[in-house]
Amino acid sequence: AQEKNLAAFRGYSCDTATKLSLRCMFVRQGGAEDNPQRTLKEQNIFAVLKQLGFSSDLYAMQSEMWFYSNTMADNIA
């Protein structure tokens, strides 16, 4: 990236429903169970970054605030 202190990660959908695919978009491939609830097996990237002392901003294009508010991102827009 040309912006200092900026990192970007690519997310992939694991379901056709936004509500379910969001659960696996912020963990490594295989970090969510392949069950109807997409149960997480590990922490998402925002929780890991926070534990390491980083801050993160999450910019959302859809109104899934119920999910974004649980990601542990510092700022949600």
PDB file of N, CA and C in Angstrom:
ATOM      1  N   ALA A   1       0.842  -1.192   0.000  1.00  0.00           N
ATOM      2  CA  ALA A   1       0.000   0.000   0.000  1.00  0.00           C
ATOM      3  C   ALA A   1       0.876   1.240   0.000  1.00  0.00           C
ATOM      4  N   GLN A   2       0.388   2.283  -0.600  1.00  0.00           N
ATOM      5  CA  GLN A   2       1.116   3.540  -0.636  1.00  0.00           C
ATOM      6  C   GLN A   2       0.891   4.348   0.628  1.00  0.00           C
ATOM      7  N   GLU A   3      -0.129   4.051   1.377  1.00  0.00           N
ATOM      8  CA  GLU A   3      -0.456   4.763   2.619  1.00  0.00           C
ATOM      9  C   GLU A   3       0.334   4.150   3.773  1.00  0.00           C
ATOM     10  N   LYS A   4       1.044   4.985   4.515  1.00  0.00           N
ATOM     11  CA  LYS A   4       1.837   4.504   5.646  1.00  0.00           C
ATOM     12  C   LYS A   4       0.918   3.911   6.720  1.00  0.00           C
ATOM     13  N   ASN A   5       1.338   2.809   7.312  1.00  0.00           N
ATOM     14  CA  ASN A   5       0.606   2.140   8.398  1.00  0.00           C
ATOM     15  C   ASN A   5      -0.771   1.631   7.980  1.00  0.00           C
ATOM     16  N   LEU A   6      -0.941   1.308   6.718  1.00  0.00           N
ATOM     17  CA  LEU A   6      -2.219   0.795   6.224  1.00  0.00           C
ATOM     18  C   LEU A   6      -2.029  -0.639   5.745  1.00  0.00           C
ATOM     19  N   ALA A   7      -2.898  -1.509   6.177  1.00  0.00           N
ATOM     20  CA  ALA A   7      -2.890  -2.895   5.711  1.00  0.00           C
ATOM     21  C   ALA A   7      -4.286  -3.231   5.221  1.00  0.00           C
ATOM     22  N   ALA A   8      -4.359  -3.987   4.151  1.00  0.00           N
ATOM     23  CA  ALA A   8      -5.650  -4.399   3.606  1.00  0.00           C
ATOM     24  C   ALA A   8      -5.653  -5.923   3.496  1.00  0.00           C
ATOM     25  N   PHE A   9      -6.762  -6.520   3.839  1.00  0.00           N
ATOM     26  CA  PHE A   9      -6.911  -7.967   3.769  1.00  0.00           C
ATOM     27  C   PHE A   9      -8.096  -8.298   2.878  1.00  0.00           C
ATOM     28  N   ARG A  10      -7.963  -9.348   2.102  1.00  0.00           N
ATOM     29  CA  ARG A  10      -9.040  -9.775   1.214  1.00  0.00           C
ATOM     30  C   ARG A  10      -9.925 -10.774   1.951  1.00  0.00           C
ATOM     31  N   GLY A  11     -11.220 -10.559   1.896  1.00  0.00           N
ATOM     32  CA  GLY A  11     -12.162 -11.475   2.520  1.00  0.00           C
ATOM     33  C   GLY A  11     -12.938 -12.241   1.467  1.00  0.00           C
ATOM     34  N   TYR A  12     -13.267 -13.464   1.768  1.00  0.00           N
ATOM     35  CA  TYR A  12     -14.043 -14.295   0.850  1.00  0.00           C
ATOM     36  C   TYR A  12     -15.319 -14.751   1.533  1.00  0.00           C
ATOM     37  N   SER A  13     -16.390 -14.730   0.796  1.00  0.00           N
ATOM     38  CA  SER A  13     -17.674 -15.167   1.327  1.00  0.00           C
ATOM     39  C   SER A  13     -17.713 -16.692   1.412  1.00  0.00           C
ATOM     40  N   CYS A  14     -18.374 -17.206   2.443  1.00  0.00           N
ATOM     41  CA  CYS A  14     -18.520 -18.660   2.581  1.00  0.00           C
ATOM     42  C   CYS A  14     -19.987 -19.068   2.515  1.00  0.00           C
ATOM     43  N   ASP A  15     -20.857 -18.106   2.208  1.00  0.00           N
ATOM     44  CA  ASP A  15     -22.283 -18.400   2.166  1.00  0.00           C
ATOM     45  C   ASP A  15     -22.953 -17.384   1.251  1.00  0.00           C
ATOM     46  N   THR A  16     -24.150 -17.673   0.822  1.00  0.00           N
ATOM     47  CA  THR A  16     -24.875 -16.725  -0.020  1.00  0.00           C
ATOM     48  C   THR A  16     -25.622 -15.679   0.794  1.00  0.00           C
ATOM     49  N   ALA A  17     -25.822 -15.911   2.073  1.00  0.00           N
ATOM     50  CA  ALA A  17     -26.497 -14.949   2.945  1.00  0.00           C
ATOM     51  C   ALA A  17     -25.450 -14.086   3.644  1.00  0.00           C
ATOM     52  N   THR A  18     -25.595 -12.776   3.535  1.00  0.00           N
ATOM     53  CA  THR A  18     -24.636 -11.857   4.159  1.00  0.00           C
ATOM     54  C   THR A  18     -24.470 -12.150   5.635  1.00  0.00           C
ATOM     55  N   LYS A  19     -25.556 -12.366   6.326  1.00  0.00           N
ATOM     56  CA  LYS A  19     -25.525 -12.601   7.771  1.00  0.00           C
ATOM     57  C   LYS A  19     -24.608 -13.772   8.132  1.00  0.00           C
ATOM     58  N   LEU A  20     -24.605 -14.811   7.326  1.00  0.00           N
ATOM     59  CA  LEU A  20     -23.771 -15.981   7.599  1.00  0.00           C
ATOM     60  C   LEU A  20     -22.358 -15.827   7.047  1.00  0.00           C
ATOM     61  N   SER A  21     -22.220 -15.225   5.875  1.00  0.00           N
ATOM     62  CA  SER A  21     -20.890 -15.117   5.281  1.00  0.00           C
ATOM     63  C   SER A  21     -19.989 -14.161   6.043  1.00  0.00           C
ATOM     64  N   LEU A  22     -20.548 -13.185   6.750  1.00  0.00           N
ATOM     65  CA  LEU A  22     -19.727 -12.264   7.533  1.00  0.00           C
ATOM     66  C   LEU A  22     -18.950 -12.989   8.620  1.00  0.00           C
ATOM     67  N   ARG A  23     -19.488 -14.070   9.137  1.00  0.00           N
ATOM     68  CA  ARG A  23     -18.825 -14.803  10.221  1.00  0.00           C
ATOM     69  C   ARG A  23     -17.478 -15.368   9.775  1.00  0.00           C
ATOM     70  N   CYS A  24     -17.350 -15.746   8.510  1.00  0.00           N
ATOM     71  CA  CYS A  24     -16.095 -16.349   8.067  1.00  0.00           C
ATOM     72  C   CYS A  24     -15.218 -15.403   7.256  1.00  0.00           C
ATOM     73  N   MET A  25     -15.702 -14.218   6.946  1.00  0.00           N
ATOM     74  CA  MET A  25     -14.908 -13.293   6.140  1.00  0.00           C
ATOM     75  C   MET A  25     -13.739 -12.686   6.899  1.00  0.00           C
ATOM     76  N   PHE A  26     -13.780 -12.670   8.212  1.00  0.00           N
ATOM     77  CA  PHE A  26     -12.739 -12.012   8.991  1.00  0.00           C
ATOM     78  C   PHE A  26     -11.883 -12.990   9.795  1.00  0.00           C
ATOM     79  N   VAL A  27     -11.892 -14.258   9.394  1.00  0.00           N
ATOM     80  CA  VAL A  27     -11.003 -15.278   9.958  1.00  0.00           C
ATOM     81  C   VAL A  27     -10.285 -15.962   8.798  1.00  0.00           C
ATOM     82  N   ARG A  28      -9.250 -16.731   9.129  1.00  0.00           N
ATOM     83  CA  ARG A  28      -8.539 -17.463   8.078  1.00  0.00           C
ATOM     84  C   ARG A  28      -9.463 -18.494   7.446  1.00  0.00           C
ATOM     85  N   GLN A  29      -9.108 -18.937   6.244  1.00  0.00           N
ATOM     86  CA  GLN A  29      -9.875 -19.996   5.603  1.00  0.00           C
ATOM     87  C   GLN A  29      -9.874 -21.206   6.521  1.00  0.00           C
ATOM     88  N   GLY A  30     -11.043 -21.732   6.809  1.00  0.00           N
ATOM     89  CA  GLY A  30     -11.181 -22.845   7.737  1.00  0.00           C
ATOM     90  C   GLY A  30     -11.390 -22.403   9.175  1.00  0.00           C
ATOM     91  N   GLY A  31     -11.440 -21.087   9.424  1.00  0.00           N
ATOM     92  CA  GLY A  31     -11.609 -20.563  10.776  1.00  0.00           C
ATOM     93  C   GLY A  31     -13.040 -20.573  11.269  1.00  0.00           C
ATOM     94  N   ALA A  32     -13.960 -20.975  10.410  1.00  0.00           N
ATOM     95  CA  ALA A  32     -15.371 -21.098  10.785  1.00  0.00           C
ATOM     96  C   ALA A  32     -15.846 -22.494  10.402  1.00  0.00           C
ATOM     97  N   GLU A  33     -16.676 -23.058  11.251  1.00  0.00           N
ATOM     98  CA  GLU A  33     -17.222 -24.397  10.978  1.00  0.00           C
ATOM     99  C   GLU A  33     -18.077 -24.365   9.716  1.00  0.00           C
ATOM    100  N   ASP A  34     -18.143 -25.482   9.036  1.00  0.00           N
ATOM    101  CA  ASP A  34     -18.988 -25.597   7.849  1.00  0.00           C
ATOM    102  C   ASP A  34     -20.363 -26.116   8.267  1.00  0.00           C
ATOM    103  N   ASN A  35     -20.971 -25.403   9.225  1.00  0.00           N
ATOM    104  CA  ASN A  35     -22.306 -25.763   9.693  1.00  0.00           C
ATOM    105  C   ASN A  35     -23.259 -24.603   9.382  1.00  0.00           C
ATOM    106  N   PRO A  36     -24.550 -24.773   9.541  1.00  0.00           N
ATOM    107  CA  PRO A  36     -25.494 -23.705   9.198  1.00  0.00           C
ATOM    108  C   PRO A  36     -25.256 -22.392   9.952  1.00  0.00           C
ATOM    109  N   GLN A  37     -24.680 -22.441  11.157  1.00  0.00           N
ATOM    110  CA  GLN A  37     -24.447 -21.227  11.944  1.00  0.00           C
ATOM    111  C   GLN A  37     -23.090 -20.600  11.656  1.00  0.00           C
ATOM    112  N   ARG A  38     -22.221 -21.288  10.909  1.00  0.00           N
ATOM    113  CA  ARG A  38     -20.854 -20.816  10.633  1.00  0.00           C
ATOM    114  C   ARG A  38     -20.126 -20.484  11.938  1.00  0.00           C
ATOM    115  N   THR A  39     -20.170 -21.402  12.891  1.00  0.00           N
ATOM    116  CA  THR A  39     -19.568 -21.213  14.206  1.00  0.00           C
ATOM    117  C   THR A  39     -18.069 -20.950  14.069  1.00  0.00           C
ATOM    118  N   LEU A  40     -17.583 -19.889  14.733  1.00  0.00           N
ATOM    119  CA  LEU A  40     -16.165 -19.550  14.659  1.00  0.00           C
ATOM    120  C   LEU A  40     -15.328 -20.508  15.491  1.00  0.00           C
ATOM    121  N   LYS A  41     -14.176 -20.915  14.942  1.00  0.00           N
ATOM    122  CA  LYS A  41     -13.229 -21.768  15.646  1.00  0.00           C
ATOM    123  C   LYS A  41     -12.045 -20.966  16.169  1.00  0.00           C
ATOM    124  N   GLU A  42     -11.941 -19.713  15.771  1.00  0.00           N
ATOM    125  CA  GLU A  42     -10.839 -18.858  16.183  1.00  0.00           C
ATOM    126  C   GLU A  42     -11.292 -17.406  16.236  1.00  0.00           C
ATOM    127  N   GLN A  43     -10.440 -16.535  16.779  1.00  0.00           N
ATOM    128  CA  GLN A  43     -10.775 -15.117  16.869  1.00  0.00           C
ATOM    129  C   GLN A  43     -10.694 -14.469  15.492  1.00  0.00           C
ATOM    130  N   ASN A  44     -11.496 -13.417  15.288  1.00  0.00           N
ATOM    131  CA  ASN A  44     -11.423 -12.705  14.021  1.00  0.00           C
ATOM    132  C   ASN A  44     -10.210 -11.779  14.004  1.00  0.00           C
ATOM    133  N   ILE A  45      -9.887 -11.253  12.836  1.00  0.00           N
ATOM    134  CA  ILE A  45      -8.692 -10.429  12.654  1.00  0.00           C
ATOM    135  C   ILE A  45      -8.701  -9.187  13.539  1.00  0.00           C
ATOM    136  N   PHE A  46      -9.866  -8.600  13.786  1.00  0.00           N
ATOM    137  CA  PHE A  46      -9.932  -7.385  14.592  1.00  0.00           C
ATOM    138  C   PHE A  46      -9.573  -7.663  16.051  1.00  0.00           C
ATOM    139  N   ALA A  47     -10.012  -8.787  16.577  1.00  0.00           N
ATOM    140  CA  ALA A  47      -9.680  -9.165  17.950  1.00  0.00           C
ATOM    141  C   ALA A  47      -8.184  -9.431  18.087  1.00  0.00           C
ATOM    142  N   VAL A  48      -7.602 -10.086  17.101  1.00  0.00           N
ATOM    143  CA  VAL A  48      -6.170 -10.386  17.135  1.00  0.00           C
ATOM    144  C   VAL A  48      -5.355  -9.100  17.068  1.00  0.00           C
ATOM    145  N   LEU A  49      -5.712  -8.203  16.153  1.00  0.00           N
ATOM    146  CA  LEU A  49      -4.983  -6.933  16.034  1.00  0.00           C
ATOM    147  C   LEU A  49      -5.066  -6.123  17.322  1.00  0.00           C
ATOM    148  N   LYS A  50      -6.240  -6.093  17.947  1.00  0.00           N
ATOM    149  CA  LYS A  50      -6.410  -5.349  19.202  1.00  0.00           C
ATOM    150  C   LYS A  50      -5.504  -5.923  20.289  1.00  0.00           C
ATOM    151  N   GLN A  51      -5.421  -7.243  20.380  1.00  0.00           N
ATOM    152  CA  GLN A  51      -4.553  -7.876  21.376  1.00  0.00           C
ATOM    153  C   GLN A  51      -3.080  -7.539  21.138  1.00  0.00           C
ATOM    154  N   LEU A  52      -2.725  -7.284  19.882  1.00  0.00           N
ATOM    155  CA  LEU A  52      -1.346  -6.942  19.538  1.00  0.00           C
ATOM    156  C   LEU A  52      -1.065  -5.447  19.670  1.00  0.00           C
ATOM    157  N   GLY A  53      -2.080  -4.663  20.059  1.00  0.00           N
ATOM    158  CA  GLY A  53      -1.885  -3.239  20.276  1.00  0.00           C
ATOM    159  C   GLY A  53      -2.210  -2.353  19.091  1.00  0.00           C
ATOM    160  N   PHE A  54      -2.797  -2.914  18.041  1.00  0.00           N
ATOM    161  CA  PHE A  54      -3.164  -2.136  16.862  1.00  0.00           C
ATOM    162  C   PHE A  54      -4.593  -1.632  16.992  1.00  0.00           C
ATOM    163  N   SER A  55      -4.904  -0.589  16.255  1.00  0.00           N
ATOM    164  CA  SER A  55      -6.295  -0.146  16.149  1.00  0.00           C
ATOM    165  C   SER A  55      -6.762  -0.465  14.737  1.00  0.00           C
ATOM    166  N   SER A  56      -8.051  -0.576  14.555  1.00  0.00           N
ATOM    167  CA  SER A  56      -8.588  -0.886  13.232  1.00  0.00           C
ATOM    168  C   SER A  56      -9.887  -0.134  13.017  1.00  0.00           C
ATOM    169  N   ASP A  57     -10.116   0.237  11.778  1.00  0.00           N
ATOM    170  CA  ASP A  57     -11.353   0.895  11.368  1.00  0.00           C
ATOM    171  C   ASP A  57     -12.044  -0.013  10.366  1.00  0.00           C
ATOM    172  N   LEU A  58     -13.333  -0.164  10.501  1.00  0.00           N
ATOM    173  CA  LEU A  58     -14.113  -1.023   9.621  1.00  0.00           C
ATOM    174  C   LEU A  58     -15.168  -0.173   8.942  1.00  0.00           C
ATOM    175  N   TYR A  59     -15.137  -0.129   7.625  1.00  0.00           N
ATOM    176  CA  TYR A  59     -16.109   0.638   6.850  1.00  0.00           C
ATOM    177  C   TYR A  59     -17.059  -0.344   6.179  1.00  0.00           C
ATOM    178  N   ALA A  60     -18.314  -0.249   6.503  1.00  0.00           N
ATOM    179  CA  ALA A  60     -19.306  -1.211   6.032  1.00  0.00           C
ATOM    180  C   ALA A  60     -20.171  -0.613   4.932  1.00  0.00           C
ATOM    181  N   MET A  61     -20.513  -1.446   3.978  1.00  0.00           N
ATOM    182  CA  MET A  61     -21.385  -1.023   2.886  1.00  0.00           C
ATOM    183  C   MET A  61     -22.832  -1.456   3.119  1.00  0.00           C
ATOM    184  N   GLN A  62     -23.055  -2.333   4.070  1.00  0.00           N
ATOM    185  CA  GLN A  62     -24.405  -2.802   4.338  1.00  0.00           C
ATOM    186  C   GLN A  62     -24.743  -2.558   5.799  1.00  0.00           C
ATOM    187  N   SER A  63     -25.989  -2.682   6.132  1.00  0.00           N
ATOM    188  CA  SER A  63     -26.439  -2.340   7.488  1.00  0.00           C
ATOM    189  C   SER A  63     -26.472  -3.556   8.413  1.00  0.00           C
ATOM    190  N   GLU A  64     -25.375  -4.257   8.516  1.00  0.00           N
ATOM    191  CA  GLU A  64     -25.276  -5.413   9.408  1.00  0.00           C
ATOM    192  C   GLU A  64     -24.593  -4.992  10.709  1.00  0.00           C
ATOM    193  N   MET A  65     -25.070  -3.917  11.332  1.00  0.00           N
ATOM    194  CA  MET A  65     -24.425  -3.365  12.520  1.00  0.00           C
ATOM    195  C   MET A  65     -24.393  -4.354  13.677  1.00  0.00           C
ATOM    196  N   TRP A  66     -25.358  -5.249  13.765  1.00  0.00           N
ATOM    197  CA  TRP A  66     -25.360  -6.266  14.816  1.00  0.00           C
ATOM    198  C   TRP A  66     -24.069  -7.067  14.767  1.00  0.00           C
ATOM    199  N   PHE A  67     -23.566  -7.318  13.555  1.00  0.00           N
ATOM    200  CA  PHE A  67     -22.332  -8.089  13.410  1.00  0.00           C
ATOM    201  C   PHE A  67     -21.107  -7.219  13.637  1.00  0.00           C
ATOM    202  N   TYR A  68     -21.063  -6.083  12.966  1.00  0.00           N
ATOM    203  CA  TYR A  68     -19.882  -5.229  13.038  1.00  0.00           C
ATOM    204  C   TYR A  68     -19.595  -4.767  14.460  1.00  0.00           C
ATOM    205  N   SER A  69     -20.622  -4.566  15.259  1.00  0.00           N
ATOM    206  CA  SER A  69     -20.408  -4.113  16.631  1.00  0.00           C
ATOM    207  C   SER A  69     -19.746  -5.193  17.491  1.00  0.00           C
ATOM    208  N   ASN A  70     -19.739  -6.437  17.036  1.00  0.00           N
ATOM    209  CA  ASN A  70     -19.104  -7.536  17.780  1.00  0.00           C
ATOM    210  C   ASN A  70     -17.722  -7.911  17.259  1.00  0.00           C
ATOM    211  N   THR A  71     -17.189  -7.159  16.283  1.00  0.00           N
ATOM    212  CA  THR A  71     -15.902  -7.526  15.687  1.00  0.00           C
ATOM    213  C   THR A  71     -14.704  -7.060  16.487  1.00  0.00           C
ATOM    214  N   MET A  72     -14.910  -6.177  17.449  1.00  0.00           N
ATOM    215  CA  MET A  72     -13.843  -5.570  18.243  1.00  0.00           C
ATOM    216  C   MET A  72     -13.034  -4.555  17.445  1.00  0.00           C
ATOM    217  N   ALA A  73     -13.556  -4.074  16.314  1.00  0.00           N
ATOM    218  CA  ALA A  73     -12.897  -2.985  15.589  1.00  0.00           C
ATOM    219  C   ALA A  73     -13.033  -1.720  16.426  1.00  0.00           C
ATOM    220  N   ASP A  74     -12.043  -0.838  16.343  1.00  0.00           N
ATOM    221  CA  ASP A  74     -12.072   0.380  17.151  1.00  0.00           C
ATOM    222  C   ASP A  74     -13.103   1.384  16.645  1.00  0.00           C
ATOM    223  N   ASN A  75     -13.226   1.493  15.338  1.00  0.00           N
ATOM    224  CA  ASN A  75     -14.189   2.423  14.743  1.00  0.00           C
ATOM    225  C   ASN A  75     -14.985   1.702  13.673  1.00  0.00           C
ATOM    226  N   ILE A  76     -16.266   1.956  13.640  1.00  0.00           N
ATOM    227  CA  ILE A  76     -17.155   1.358  12.644  1.00  0.00           C
ATOM    228  C   ILE A  76     -17.869   2.488  11.928  1.00  0.00           C
ATOM    229  N   ALA A  77     -17.811   2.491  10.612  1.00  0.00           N
ATOM    230  CA  ALA A  77     -18.485   3.533   9.834  1.00  0.00           C
ATOM    231  C   ALA A  77     -19.267   2.917   8.697  1.00  0.00           C
TER     232      ALA A  77
END
